Amino acid sequence: MEECLTVITNPTVSVRVTSTLSSFDVNRRFNRGITVAELKCKLELIIGCPAASMDLQLFSTSDKFLQNLDNNEALLGSYPVDDNCRIHAIDRSGSLTGAFSDLSQVEKYEIPEDAYDKRSDSVRNFKRNMKIGRFNEETVAKHEETLTQKEEEEKAALALITVGKRCQVKVTGQPTKIGTVMFVGTTDFKPGHWVGVKYDEPLGKNDGSVNGKRYFECEPKYGAFVKPLFVTVGDFPEEDYGLDEM
């Protein structure tokens, strides 16, 4: 009597799933009787890649590439899929390249100034109605008055400051510094009038130049530019720090 051998294959298979969208892998069990197209639909819920934009690759338990799962009508079981094999999903939708998150690729809409000014639901209109900021005539008037007063005080201070005079610099939050006025006038780095000072000690920020343009000469870290209102000219002799004593 002849003996018959029957090979029973498990109807399901446990595989590791990886993708180009994540550095993590997950373990899932699938029925060998589903098609590759159905497998992609299930993987869509797992990895977030659209099934229509998904390519699948099959790797062995030792992570050796076996073949592409490129026939959507074929059954998963028709491929050499064993437990602990790896199925790798490649996203072709553009998510990997940042096509959906790169805002530099998005054309930005800018509303014309006159159109925005006429809108009733804008922040500007709210401020206008509530008389906030520049829409408050009293606030604007006080601000302009303060600026005018500061400009007058700055002009008065400038009239007393000339190149070559000794000076004292008092900037809020900084220690008092003594030095010599080296420059008075406007600059390219910031608007308004500035006073260039060479300090007696290396307490400055530059060597008399800013952004490649030279306004006066001094050693590095001895030069600084300050607003006129922080400068007081007068008899401020250079202190003797005893550097010449032995």
Foldseek 3Di string as FASTA:
>chain_A
DDDDDDDDDDQKAWEWEAELQDPDIDIDIDGQAAFQLVVLVVVCVVRVADSVQKWKWKAQLVRHTDGTSPDRGDGNNVDPGHHHIYIYIYGRPCVSVCPVPPCVVPDDDDDDPVVQVPDCPDPVNVCLVVVPDPNPPVVVVVVVVVVVVVVVVLVVLLVPDDFFFKKWFDDPPDDIFTFGWHAWQADDVDGDIKTKTFTLDLQAQAQQDDPPRHGGGGDGSRIYIDRSVRMDTDPDDRDDPCPPPD
